C-alpha atoms as a PDB file:
ATOM      1  CA  MET A   1      21.303   4.274  -2.634  1.00  0.00           C
ATOM      2  CA  ALA A   2      22.680   4.632  -6.182  1.00  0.00           C
ATOM      3  CA  ASN A   3      22.505   8.034  -7.844  1.00  0.00           C
ATOM      4  CA  PRO A   4      20.113   7.574 -10.853  1.00  0.00           C
ATOM      5  CA  THR A   5      22.045  10.229 -12.792  1.00  0.00           C
ATOM      6  CA  THR A   6      25.446   8.455 -12.775  1.00  0.00           C
ATOM      7  CA  PRO A   7      26.695   6.706 -15.948  1.00  0.00           C
ATOM      8  CA  GLN A   8      26.580   3.378 -14.131  1.00  0.00           C
ATOM      9  CA  SER A   9      22.922   3.868 -13.177  1.00  0.00           C
ATOM     10  CA  ARG A  10      21.973   4.964 -16.678  1.00  0.00           C
ATOM     11  CA  SER A  11      23.698   1.888 -18.057  1.00  0.00           C
ATOM     12  CA  ARG A  12      21.751  -0.323 -15.663  1.00  0.00           C
ATOM     13  CA  PHE A  13      18.489   1.347 -16.734  1.00  0.00           C
ATOM     14  CA  ARG A  14      19.335   0.723 -20.408  1.00  0.00           C
ATOM     15  CA  LEU A  15      20.209  -2.893 -19.730  1.00  0.00           C
ATOM     16  CA  ARG A  16      16.974  -3.304 -17.791  1.00  0.00           C
ATOM     17  CA  TYR A  17      14.831  -2.161 -20.692  1.00  0.00           C
ATOM     18  CA  VAL A  18      16.802  -4.171 -23.235  1.00  0.00           C
ATOM     19  CA  ALA A  19      16.082  -7.118 -20.955  1.00  0.00           C
ATOM     20  CA  ALA A  20      12.388  -6.124 -20.892  1.00  0.00           C
ATOM     21  CA  PHE A  21      12.288  -6.063 -24.692  1.00  0.00           C
ATOM     22  CA  LEU A  22      13.976  -9.473 -24.968  1.00  0.00           C
ATOM     23  CA  ALA A  23      11.766 -10.928 -22.241  1.00  0.00           C
ATOM     24  CA  LEU A  24       8.619  -9.815 -24.049  1.00  0.00           C
ATOM     25  CA  LEU A  25       9.822 -11.488 -27.227  1.00  0.00           C
ATOM     26  CA  ALA A  26      10.823 -14.629 -25.373  1.00  0.00           C
ATOM     27  CA  SER A  27       7.455 -14.761 -23.630  1.00  0.00           C
ATOM     28  CA  ALA A  28       5.605 -15.080 -26.961  1.00  0.00           C
ATOM     29  CA  ILE A  29       5.709 -18.861 -27.073  1.00  0.00           C
ATOM     30  CA  ILE A  30       5.123 -19.201 -23.333  1.00  0.00           C
ATOM     31  CA  GLY A  31       2.300 -16.666 -23.518  1.00  0.00           C
ATOM     32  CA  LEU A  32       0.573 -18.568 -26.278  1.00  0.00           C
ATOM     33  CA  ILE A  33       0.683 -21.700 -24.151  1.00  0.00           C
ATOM     34  CA  ALA A  34      -0.344 -19.988 -20.898  1.00  0.00           C
ATOM     35  CA  SER A  35      -3.108 -17.777 -22.256  1.00  0.00           C
ATOM     36  CA  ASN A  36      -6.567 -19.200 -22.763  1.00  0.00           C
ATOM     37  CA  GLY A  37      -7.228 -16.638 -25.477  1.00  0.00           C
ATOM     38  CA  ASP A  38     -10.336 -15.350 -23.706  1.00  0.00           C
ATOM     39  CA  ALA A  39     -11.888 -12.540 -25.741  1.00  0.00           C
ATOM     40  CA  SER A  40     -13.168 -10.870 -22.547  1.00  0.00           C
ATOM     41  CA  PRO A  41     -10.885 -11.822 -19.639  1.00  0.00           C
ATOM     42  CA  SER A  42     -11.873 -11.138 -16.047  1.00  0.00           C
ATOM     43  CA  VAL A  43      -9.860  -8.691 -13.965  1.00  0.00           C
ATOM     44  CA  PRO A  44      -7.992 -11.500 -12.123  1.00  0.00           C
ATOM     45  CA  ASP A  45      -7.302 -13.275 -15.420  1.00  0.00           C
ATOM     46  CA  TYR A  46      -5.905 -10.095 -16.957  1.00  0.00           C
ATOM     47  CA  TYR A  47      -3.547  -9.435 -14.049  1.00  0.00           C
ATOM     48  CA  ALA A  48      -2.572 -13.116 -13.734  1.00  0.00           C
ATOM     49  CA  SER A  49      -1.360 -13.390 -17.337  1.00  0.00           C
ATOM     50  CA  LEU A  50       2.339 -13.911 -17.879  1.00  0.00           C
ATOM     51  CA  GLU A  51       2.545 -10.771 -20.012  1.00  0.00           C
ATOM     52  CA  SER A  52       1.002  -8.624 -17.262  1.00  0.00           C
ATOM     53  CA  ARG A  53       3.222 -10.055 -14.548  1.00  0.00           C
ATOM     54  CA  LEU A  54       6.398  -9.619 -16.586  1.00  0.00           C
ATOM     55  CA  GLY A  55       5.472  -6.131 -17.742  1.00  0.00           C
ATOM     56  CA  TYR A  56       4.547  -4.722 -14.363  1.00  0.00           C
ATOM     57  CA  TRP A  57       7.619  -6.270 -12.736  1.00  0.00           C
ATOM     58  CA  LEU A  58      10.193  -5.253 -15.364  1.00  0.00           C
ATOM     59  CA  LEU A  59       8.860  -1.791 -16.185  1.00  0.00           C
ATOM     60  CA  LEU A  60       7.217  -0.592 -12.964  1.00  0.00           C
ATOM     61  CA  GLY A  61       8.877  -2.574 -10.204  1.00  0.00           C
ATOM     62  CA  ASN A  62       5.544  -4.368  -9.659  1.00  0.00           C
ATOM     63  CA  ALA A  63       3.538  -1.167  -9.152  1.00  0.00           C
ATOM     64  CA  ARG A  64       0.194  -0.937 -10.959  1.00  0.00           C
ATOM     65  CA  HIS A  65      -0.116   2.747 -11.822  1.00  0.00           C
ATOM     66  CA  CYS A  66       1.355   5.558 -13.887  1.00  0.00           C
ATOM     67  CA  GLY A  67       4.053   7.923 -12.769  1.00  0.00           C
ATOM     68  CA  LEU A  68       3.686  11.707 -12.708  1.00  0.00           C
ATOM     69  CA  TYR A  69       6.453  13.860 -14.200  1.00  0.00           C
ATOM     70  CA  ARG A  70       7.426  17.510 -14.078  1.00  0.00           C
ATOM     71  CA  LYS A  71       6.193  19.735 -16.874  1.00  0.00           C
ATOM     72  CA  GLY A  72       8.431  19.404 -19.911  1.00  0.00           C
ATOM     73  CA  GLN A  73      10.335  16.362 -18.647  1.00  0.00           C
ATOM     74  CA  LEU A  74      11.304  13.969 -21.448  1.00  0.00           C
ATOM     75  CA  SER A  75      13.056  11.143 -19.644  1.00  0.00           C
ATOM     76  CA  PRO A  76      10.877   8.617 -17.782  1.00  0.00           C
ATOM     77  CA  PHE A  77      13.675   7.940 -15.305  1.00  0.00           C
ATOM     78  CA  PRO A  78      13.835   7.464 -12.407  1.00  0.00           C
ATOM     79  CA  ILE A  79      10.473   5.722 -12.543  1.00  0.00           C
ATOM     80  CA  SER A  80      10.244   5.270  -8.777  1.00  0.00           C
ATOM     81  CA  THR A  81      10.310   9.050  -8.294  1.00  0.00           C
ATOM     82  CA  ALA A  82       7.444   9.477 -10.766  1.00  0.00           C
ATOM     83  CA  LEU A  83       5.404   6.752  -9.063  1.00  0.00           C
ATOM     84  CA  ARG A  84       5.788   8.458  -5.690  1.00  0.00           C
ATOM     85  CA  ALA A  85       4.828  11.800  -7.268  1.00  0.00           C
ATOM     86  CA  MET A  86       1.554  10.310  -8.527  1.00  0.00           C
ATOM     87  CA  GLU A  87       0.852   8.892  -5.074  1.00  0.00           C
ATOM     88  CA  GLN A  88       1.548  12.311  -3.568  1.00  0.00           C
ATOM     89  CA  LYS A  89      -0.890  13.895  -6.037  1.00  0.00           C
ATOM     90  CA  LEU A  90      -3.619  11.484  -4.952  1.00  0.00           C
ATOM     91  CA  TYR A  91      -2.852  12.107  -1.278  1.00  0.00           C
ATOM     92  CA  THR A  92      -3.029  15.865  -1.818  1.00  0.00           C
ATOM     93  CA  ARG A  93      -6.354  15.557  -3.622  1.00  0.00           C
ATOM     94  CA  LEU A  94      -7.891  13.633  -0.709  1.00  0.00           C
ATOM     95  CA  GLU A  95      -7.291  16.628   1.591  1.00  0.00           C
ATOM     96  CA  LEU A  96      -7.206  14.481   4.713  1.00  0.00           C
ATOM     97  CA  SER A  97      -5.351  14.870   7.983  1.00  0.00           C
ATOM     98  CA  PRO A  98      -3.179  12.208   9.636  1.00  0.00           C
ATOM     99  CA  GLY A  99      -5.315   9.651  11.445  1.00  0.00           C
ATOM    100  CA  ALA A 100      -8.109   9.711   8.856  1.00  0.00           C
ATOM    101  CA  LYS A 101      -9.408   6.371   7.617  1.00  0.00           C
ATOM    102  CA  VAL A 102      -9.446   5.641   3.894  1.00  0.00           C
ATOM    103  CA  LEU A 103     -10.526   2.825   1.615  1.00  0.00           C
ATOM    104  CA  ASP A 104      -8.111   1.795  -1.130  1.00  0.00           C
ATOM    105  CA  ALA A 105     -10.475   0.217  -3.663  1.00  0.00           C
ATOM    106  CA  GLY A 106      -8.080  -1.864  -5.724  1.00  0.00           C
ATOM    107  CA  ALA A 107      -4.779  -2.111  -3.881  1.00  0.00           C
ATOM    108  CA  GLY A 108      -2.628  -3.930  -6.430  1.00  0.00           C
ATOM    109  CA  SER A 109       0.722  -4.693  -4.820  1.00  0.00           C
ATOM    110  CA  GLY A 110       0.007  -2.240  -2.005  1.00  0.00           C
ATOM    111  CA  TYR A 111       2.401   0.580  -2.842  1.00  0.00           C
ATOM    112  CA  VAL A 112      -0.255   3.310  -2.884  1.00  0.00           C
ATOM    113  CA  ALA A 113      -1.617   2.126   0.475  1.00  0.00           C
ATOM    114  CA  ILE A 114       1.929   2.095   1.847  1.00  0.00           C
ATOM    115  CA  TYR A 115       2.462   5.693   0.750  1.00  0.00           C
ATOM    116  CA  MET A 116      -0.830   6.775   2.341  1.00  0.00           C
ATOM    117  CA  ALA A 117       0.096   5.033   5.580  1.00  0.00           C
ATOM    118  CA  GLN A 118       3.486   6.734   5.604  1.00  0.00           C
ATOM    119  CA  LYS A 119       1.584  10.026   5.376  1.00  0.00           C
ATOM    120  CA  GLY A 120      -0.320   9.104   8.518  1.00  0.00           C
ATOM    121  CA  LEU A 121      -3.563   7.726   7.104  1.00  0.00           C
ATOM    122  CA  ASN A 122      -5.188   4.490   8.261  1.00  0.00           C
ATOM    123  CA  VAL A 123      -5.856   2.365   5.200  1.00  0.00           C
ATOM    124  CA  GLN A 124      -8.308  -0.435   4.571  1.00  0.00           C
ATOM    125  CA  ALA A 125      -7.293  -1.932   1.232  1.00  0.00           C
ATOM    126  CA  ILE A 126      -9.173  -4.442  -0.904  1.00  0.00           C
ATOM    127  CA  ASP A 127      -8.403  -6.210  -4.160  1.00  0.00           C
ATOM    128  CA  ILE A 128     -10.195  -8.791  -6.282  1.00  0.00           C
ATOM    129  CA  THR A 129      -7.017 -10.479  -7.541  1.00  0.00           C
ATOM    130  CA  PRO A 130      -5.634 -13.094  -5.115  1.00  0.00           C
ATOM    131  CA  HIS A 131      -1.952 -12.656  -5.966  1.00  0.00           C
ATOM    132  CA  HIS A 132      -2.331  -8.890  -5.510  1.00  0.00           C
ATOM    133  CA  VAL A 133      -3.607  -9.445  -1.982  1.00  0.00           C
ATOM    134  CA  ALA A 134      -0.639 -11.709  -1.222  1.00  0.00           C
ATOM    135  CA  ASP A 135       1.835  -9.226  -2.740  1.00  0.00           C
ATOM    136  CA  ALA A 136       0.317  -6.289  -0.864  1.00  0.00           C
ATOM    137  CA  ARG A 137       0.399  -8.077   2.473  1.00  0.00           C
ATOM    138  CA  ARG A 138       4.035  -9.033   1.941  1.00  0.00           C
ATOM    139  CA  ASN A 139       5.033  -5.488   0.957  1.00  0.00           C
ATOM    140  CA  ILE A 140       3.173  -3.957   3.891  1.00  0.00           C
ATOM    141  CA  LYS A 141       4.868  -6.383   6.262  1.00  0.00           C
ATOM    142  CA  ASN A 142       8.255  -5.538   4.767  1.00  0.00           C
ATOM    143  CA  HIS A 143       7.536  -1.856   5.453  1.00  0.00           C
ATOM    144  CA  LYS A 144       6.383  -2.684   9.015  1.00  0.00           C
ATOM    145  CA  LEU A 145       3.024  -0.994   8.452  1.00  0.00           C
ATOM    146  CA  GLU A 146       0.654  -3.773   9.548  1.00  0.00           C
ATOM    147  CA  ASP A 147      -0.749  -1.447  12.218  1.00  0.00           C
ATOM    148  CA  LYS A 148      -1.660   1.178   9.584  1.00  0.00           C
ATOM    149  CA  VAL A 149      -2.807  -0.917   6.607  1.00  0.00           C
ATOM    150  CA  SER A 150      -5.156  -3.871   6.405  1.00  0.00           C
ATOM    151  CA  VAL A 151      -5.529  -5.755   3.114  1.00  0.00           C
ATOM    152  CA  GLU A 152      -8.433  -8.049   2.341  1.00  0.00           C
ATOM    153  CA  TYR A 153      -9.759  -9.877  -0.667  1.00  0.00           C
ATOM    154  CA  GLY A 154     -12.758  -7.828  -1.768  1.00  0.00           C
ATOM    155  CA  ASP A 155     -14.819  -6.589  -4.682  1.00  0.00           C
ATOM    156  CA  TYR A 156     -15.965  -2.974  -4.733  1.00  0.00           C
ATOM    157  CA  HIS A 157     -19.247  -4.131  -6.270  1.00  0.00           C
ATOM    158  CA  ASN A 158     -20.082  -5.704  -2.905  1.00  0.00           C
ATOM    159  CA  LEU A 159     -18.945  -3.749   0.149  1.00  0.00           C
ATOM    160  CA  SER A 160     -21.684  -4.941   2.498  1.00  0.00           C
ATOM    161  CA  SER A 161     -19.105  -6.008   5.100  1.00  0.00           C
ATOM    162  CA  PHE A 162     -18.382  -2.333   5.837  1.00  0.00           C
ATOM    163  CA  PRO A 163     -20.913  -0.265   7.824  1.00  0.00           C
ATOM    164  CA  ASP A 164     -22.316   3.051   6.614  1.00  0.00           C
ATOM    165  CA  GLU A 165     -20.091   6.116   6.925  1.00  0.00           C
ATOM    166  CA  SER A 166     -16.969   4.074   7.700  1.00  0.00           C
ATOM    167  CA  PHE A 167     -14.406   6.180   5.869  1.00  0.00           C
ATOM    168  CA  ASP A 168     -13.170   9.756   5.705  1.00  0.00           C
ATOM    169  CA  GLY A 169     -11.969   9.188   2.154  1.00  0.00           C
ATOM    170  CA  ILE A 170     -11.995   6.617  -0.639  1.00  0.00           C
ATOM    171  CA  TYR A 171      -9.739   6.393  -3.657  1.00  0.00           C
ATOM    172  CA  THR A 172      -9.057   4.347  -6.761  1.00  0.00           C
ATOM    173  CA  MET A 173      -5.755   4.359  -8.588  1.00  0.00           C
ATOM    174  CA  GLU A 174      -6.592   3.186 -12.113  1.00  0.00           C
ATOM    175  CA  THR A 175      -9.070   0.555 -10.907  1.00  0.00           C
ATOM    176  CA  PHE A 176     -12.500   2.160 -11.377  1.00  0.00           C
ATOM    177  CA  VAL A 177     -12.073   1.518 -15.114  1.00  0.00           C
ATOM    178  CA  HIS A 178     -12.494  -2.192 -14.323  1.00  0.00           C
ATOM    179  CA  ALA A 179     -16.024  -1.762 -12.916  1.00  0.00           C
ATOM    180  CA  ASP A 180     -18.793  -3.875 -14.441  1.00  0.00           C
ATOM    181  CA  ASP A 181     -21.482  -1.704 -12.839  1.00  0.00           C
ATOM    182  CA  PRO A 182     -19.970   1.750 -12.202  1.00  0.00           C
ATOM    183  CA  VAL A 183     -23.160   3.247 -10.754  1.00  0.00           C
ATOM    184  CA  LYS A 184     -23.399   0.448  -8.189  1.00  0.00           C
ATOM    185  CA  VAL A 185     -19.742   0.960  -7.261  1.00  0.00           C
ATOM    186  CA  LEU A 186     -20.206   4.713  -6.807  1.00  0.00           C
ATOM    187  CA  ARG A 187     -23.307   4.120  -4.673  1.00  0.00           C
ATOM    188  CA  ASN A 188     -21.258   1.780  -2.494  1.00  0.00           C
ATOM    189  CA  PHE A 189     -18.588   4.441  -2.108  1.00  0.00           C
ATOM    190  CA  TYR A 190     -21.242   7.056  -1.307  1.00  0.00           C
ATOM    191  CA  ARG A 191     -22.719   4.865   1.440  1.00  0.00           C
ATOM    192  CA  LEU A 192     -19.336   4.215   3.013  1.00  0.00           C
ATOM    193  CA  LEU A 193     -18.181   7.847   3.101  1.00  0.00           C
ATOM    194  CA  LYS A 194     -18.845  10.086   6.058  1.00  0.00           C
ATOM    195  CA  PRO A 195     -20.586  13.390   5.230  1.00  0.00           C
ATOM    196  CA  GLY A 196     -17.930  15.705   3.851  1.00  0.00           C
ATOM    197  CA  GLY A 197     -15.759  12.759   2.850  1.00  0.00           C
ATOM    198  CA  ALA A 198     -13.938  12.846  -0.486  1.00  0.00           C
ATOM    199  CA  LEU A 199     -13.752  10.309  -3.272  1.00  0.00           C
ATOM    200  CA  VAL A 200     -10.713  10.634  -5.553  1.00  0.00           C
ATOM    201  CA  LEU A 201     -10.465   8.677  -8.792  1.00  0.00           C
ATOM    202  CA  HIS A 202      -7.232   8.598 -10.794  1.00  0.00           C
ATOM    203  CA  GLU A 203      -8.457   7.167 -14.071  1.00  0.00           C
ATOM    204  CA  ALA A 204      -8.624   7.647 -17.836  1.00  0.00           C
ATOM    205  CA  ASP A 205     -11.243   8.951 -20.222  1.00  0.00           C
ATOM    206  CA  PHE A 206     -11.309   9.384 -23.988  1.00  0.00           C
ATOM    207  CA  SER A 207     -12.473  11.855 -26.620  1.00  0.00           C
ATOM    208  CA  ARG A 208     -12.204   9.681 -29.758  1.00  0.00           C
ATOM    209  CA  ASN A 209     -13.664   6.189 -29.869  1.00  0.00           C
ATOM    210  CA  THR A 210     -12.190   3.601 -32.229  1.00  0.00           C
ATOM    211  CA  GLY A 211     -12.379  -0.133 -32.786  1.00  0.00           C
ATOM    212  CA  THR A 212      -8.800  -0.520 -31.602  1.00  0.00           C
ATOM    213  CA  LEU A 213      -9.570   1.393 -28.408  1.00  0.00           C
ATOM    214  CA  GLN A 214     -12.521  -0.854 -27.682  1.00  0.00           C
ATOM    215  CA  ASP A 215     -10.356  -3.934 -28.274  1.00  0.00           C
ATOM    216  CA  VAL A 216      -7.810  -2.648 -25.775  1.00  0.00           C
ATOM    217  CA  LEU A 217     -10.486  -1.855 -23.182  1.00  0.00           C
ATOM    218  CA  ARG A 218     -12.192  -5.221 -23.625  1.00  0.00           C
ATOM    219  CA  LEU A 219      -8.982  -7.247 -23.418  1.00  0.00           C
ATOM    220  CA  SER A 220      -7.788  -5.398 -20.290  1.00  0.00           C
ATOM    221  CA  HIS A 221     -11.266  -5.450 -18.687  1.00  0.00           C
ATOM    222  CA  CYS A 222     -11.334  -1.655 -18.712  1.00  0.00           C
ATOM    223  CA  GLN A 223     -14.715  -1.326 -20.383  1.00  0.00           C
ATOM    224  CA  ASN A 224     -15.698   1.328 -17.838  1.00  0.00           C
ATOM    225  CA  THR A 225     -13.248   3.817 -19.337  1.00  0.00           C
ATOM    226  CA  LEU A 226     -15.643   6.696 -19.980  1.00  0.00           C
ATOM    227  CA  GLU A 227     -15.976   9.373 -22.596  1.00  0.00           C
ATOM    228  CA  GLU A 228     -15.084  12.896 -21.542  1.00  0.00           C
ATOM    229  CA  GLY A 229     -17.789  14.229 -19.231  1.00  0.00           C
ATOM    230  CA  GLY A 230     -18.819  10.762 -18.098  1.00  0.00           C
ATOM    231  CA  TYR A 231     -17.351  10.916 -14.611  1.00  0.00           C
ATOM    232  CA  GLN A 232     -19.196  14.079 -13.681  1.00  0.00           C
ATOM    233  CA  GLU A 233     -22.475  12.693 -14.997  1.00  0.00           C
ATOM    234  CA  LEU A 234     -22.126   9.462 -13.001  1.00  0.00           C
ATOM    235  CA  ALA A 235     -20.988  11.174  -9.797  1.00  0.00           C
ATOM    236  CA  GLU A 236     -23.831  13.672  -9.814  1.00  0.00           C
ATOM    237  CA  LYS A 237     -26.335  10.904 -10.587  1.00  0.00           C
ATOM    238  CA  VAL A 238     -25.311   9.155  -7.370  1.00  0.00           C
ATOM    239  CA  GLY A 239     -25.473  12.375  -5.306  1.00  0.00           C
ATOM    240  CA  PHE A 240     -21.864  13.545  -5.046  1.00  0.00           C
ATOM    241  CA  LYS A 241     -21.152  17.267  -5.098  1.00  0.00           C
ATOM    242  CA  ASP A 242     -18.222  19.635  -5.671  1.00  0.00           C
ATOM    243  CA  PHE A 243     -16.915  17.858  -8.759  1.00  0.00           C
ATOM    244  CA  SER A 244     -13.386  18.849  -9.746  1.00  0.00           C
ATOM    245  CA  LEU A 245     -11.085  17.440 -12.407  1.00  0.00           C
ATOM    246  CA  GLU A 246      -7.357  17.853 -12.988  1.00  0.00           C
ATOM    247  CA  ASP A 247      -5.965  16.822 -16.367  1.00  0.00           C
ATOM    248  CA  LEU A 248      -2.648  15.046 -15.742  1.00  0.00           C
ATOM    249  CA  THR A 249      -2.161  13.785 -19.302  1.00  0.00           C
ATOM    250  CA  ASP A 250       1.026  15.723 -20.030  1.00  0.00           C
ATOM    251  CA  GLY A 251       2.444  14.542 -16.723  1.00  0.00           C
ATOM    252  CA  VAL A 252       2.194  10.845 -17.619  1.00  0.00           C
ATOM    253  CA  LEU A 253       3.471  11.150 -21.211  1.00  0.00           C
ATOM    254  CA  PRO A 254       7.122  10.216 -20.488  1.00  0.00           C
ATOM    255  CA  MET A 255       6.028   6.851 -19.089  1.00  0.00           C
ATOM    256  CA  TRP A 256       3.652   6.091 -21.976  1.00  0.00           C
ATOM    257  CA  ARG A 257       6.314   7.123 -24.472  1.00  0.00           C
ATOM    258  CA  LEU A 258       8.580   4.545 -22.828  1.00  0.00           C
ATOM    259  CA  PHE A 259       5.860   1.887 -23.122  1.00  0.00           C
ATOM    260  CA  GLY A 260       5.412   2.762 -26.783  1.00  0.00           C
ATOM    261  CA  VAL A 261       9.104   2.672 -27.649  1.00  0.00           C
ATOM    262  CA  VAL A 262       9.853  -0.545 -25.724  1.00  0.00           C
ATOM    263  CA  GLY A 263       6.778  -2.294 -27.106  1.00  0.00           C
ATOM    264  CA  TYR A 264       6.810  -1.056 -30.703  1.00  0.00           C
ATOM    265  CA  LEU A 265       8.879  -3.793 -32.371  1.00  0.00           C
ATOM    266  CA  PRO A 266       7.328  -6.683 -30.402  1.00  0.00           C
ATOM    267  CA  TYR A 267       3.874  -5.290 -31.226  1.00  0.00           C
ATOM    268  CA  GLN A 268       4.641  -5.204 -34.945  1.00  0.00           C
ATOM    269  CA  LEU A 269       5.835  -8.818 -34.753  1.00  0.00           C
ATOM    270  CA  PHE A 270       2.733  -9.865 -32.821  1.00  0.00           C
ATOM    271  CA  ARG A 271       0.511  -8.130 -35.389  1.00  0.00           C
ATOM    272  CA  LEU A 272       2.339  -9.903 -38.210  1.00  0.00           C
ATOM    273  CA  LEU A 273       1.691 -13.218 -36.491  1.00  0.00           C
ATOM    274  CA  GLY A 274      -1.914 -12.233 -35.679  1.00  0.00           C
ATOM    275  CA  ILE A 275      -1.419 -12.734 -31.927  1.00  0.00           C
ATOM    276  CA  GLN A 276      -1.487  -9.122 -30.689  1.00  0.00           C
ATOM    277  CA  ASP A 277      -4.637  -9.794 -28.660  1.00  0.00           C
ATOM    278  CA  ARG A 278      -2.626 -12.121 -26.424  1.00  0.00           C
ATOM    279  CA  PHE A 279      -0.283  -9.282 -25.444  1.00  0.00           C
ATOM    280  CA  ILE A 280      -2.718  -6.625 -24.350  1.00  0.00           C
ATOM    281  CA  ASN A 281      -0.270  -4.494 -22.365  1.00  0.00           C
ATOM    282  CA  VAL A 282       2.077  -4.216 -25.328  1.00  0.00           C
ATOM    283  CA  MET A 283      -0.906  -3.373 -27.536  1.00  0.00           C
ATOM    284  CA  ALA A 284      -2.214  -0.774 -25.073  1.00  0.00           C
ATOM    285  CA  GLY A 285       1.179   0.868 -24.578  1.00  0.00           C
ATOM    286  CA  VAL A 286       1.941   1.227 -28.280  1.00  0.00           C
ATOM    287  CA  GLU A 287      -1.563   2.240 -29.387  1.00  0.00           C
ATOM    288  CA  ALA A 288      -1.837   4.848 -26.611  1.00  0.00           C
ATOM    289  CA  TRP A 289       1.502   6.336 -27.644  1.00  0.00           C
ATOM    290  CA  LEU A 290       0.660   6.325 -31.361  1.00  0.00           C
ATOM    291  CA  ASN A 291      -2.751   7.891 -30.711  1.00  0.00           C
ATOM    292  CA  TRP A 292      -1.749  10.287 -27.954  1.00  0.00           C
ATOM    293  CA  GLY A 293      -4.371  13.003 -27.661  1.00  0.00           C
ATOM    294  CA  ASP A 294      -7.372  10.696 -28.051  1.00  0.00           C
ATOM    295  CA  GLY A 295      -7.580  10.186 -24.288  1.00  0.00           C
ATOM    296  CA  ARG A 296      -6.675  11.771 -20.977  1.00  0.00           C
ATOM    297  CA  TYR A 297      -5.293  10.755 -17.608  1.00  0.00           C
ATOM    298  CA  ILE A 298      -7.407  12.559 -15.028  1.00  0.00           C
ATOM    299  CA  SER A 299      -7.771  13.085 -11.311  1.00  0.00           C
ATOM    300  CA  VAL A 300     -11.437  13.360 -10.315  1.00  0.00           C
ATOM    301  CA  ARG A 301     -12.509  14.559  -6.877  1.00  0.00           C
ATOM    302  CA  VAL A 302     -16.052  14.621  -5.488  1.00  0.00           C
ATOM    303  CA  VAL A 303     -17.522  15.064  -2.027  1.00  0.00           C
ATOM    304  CA  LYS A 304     -20.409  13.448  -0.186  1.00  0.00           C
ATOM    305  CA  PRO A 305     -22.601  16.297   1.107  1.00  0.00           C
END
């Protein structure tokens, strides 16, 4: 394995992100053709867009979540280390022992489920996006973890196929923001948890609402991103107890700074052409960086009594 601190590795990282910048520019024409310009895309439509697929592949190695960095770290590299650190944070917050059964409610390409399985948990993963399910199954097979992780097409708004009190823990990694009916989703999670089971949500909230923010949330189908205090209110409404919140905002800043820097020039070009809405990930990355402090990245933990 190459040392990420060698000059050769740093050069490869630089070339990779130059390539990402050029690919985003080159995808403009293709994106205009491929996108249907939907003002309120569905979750599968958002993740199936060319811009999303390119961005997640080039910048995150096809993962679907933020990385977590050491306090004071400026460089976002190596990204893989930061991704694993965020997965470790979620695992730690679950407070489960090896052999426990968990529900991954929004598996993406399966990397979080893989990490949980490597820690000894038994994972039932679901996702509403068909190519995510295919990617996750392939990645789990490549890691030889089919006996620890099962991936199915599923929507957390309808979990009737699972019996009551099926899981010791449930988690979302940046997927609860996609909920159309967050109370219904939390009630489903509550039903599925065993007494004493934990629900951990790694999500975002915001303190300042703007028109641009609402455009970003609408175009990425993240309309369930809540104002500060919203997660506690919803969780307690459903019956969860022992609410705790960790603010991880500073820990994800190096990655969002990278998104902002890489996307800044393409975003200005897209704005000039009036097509920024067709490149929502570029828009989200730059606007989040430029307005850092208006929102938070948080880890929420609650328990079913």
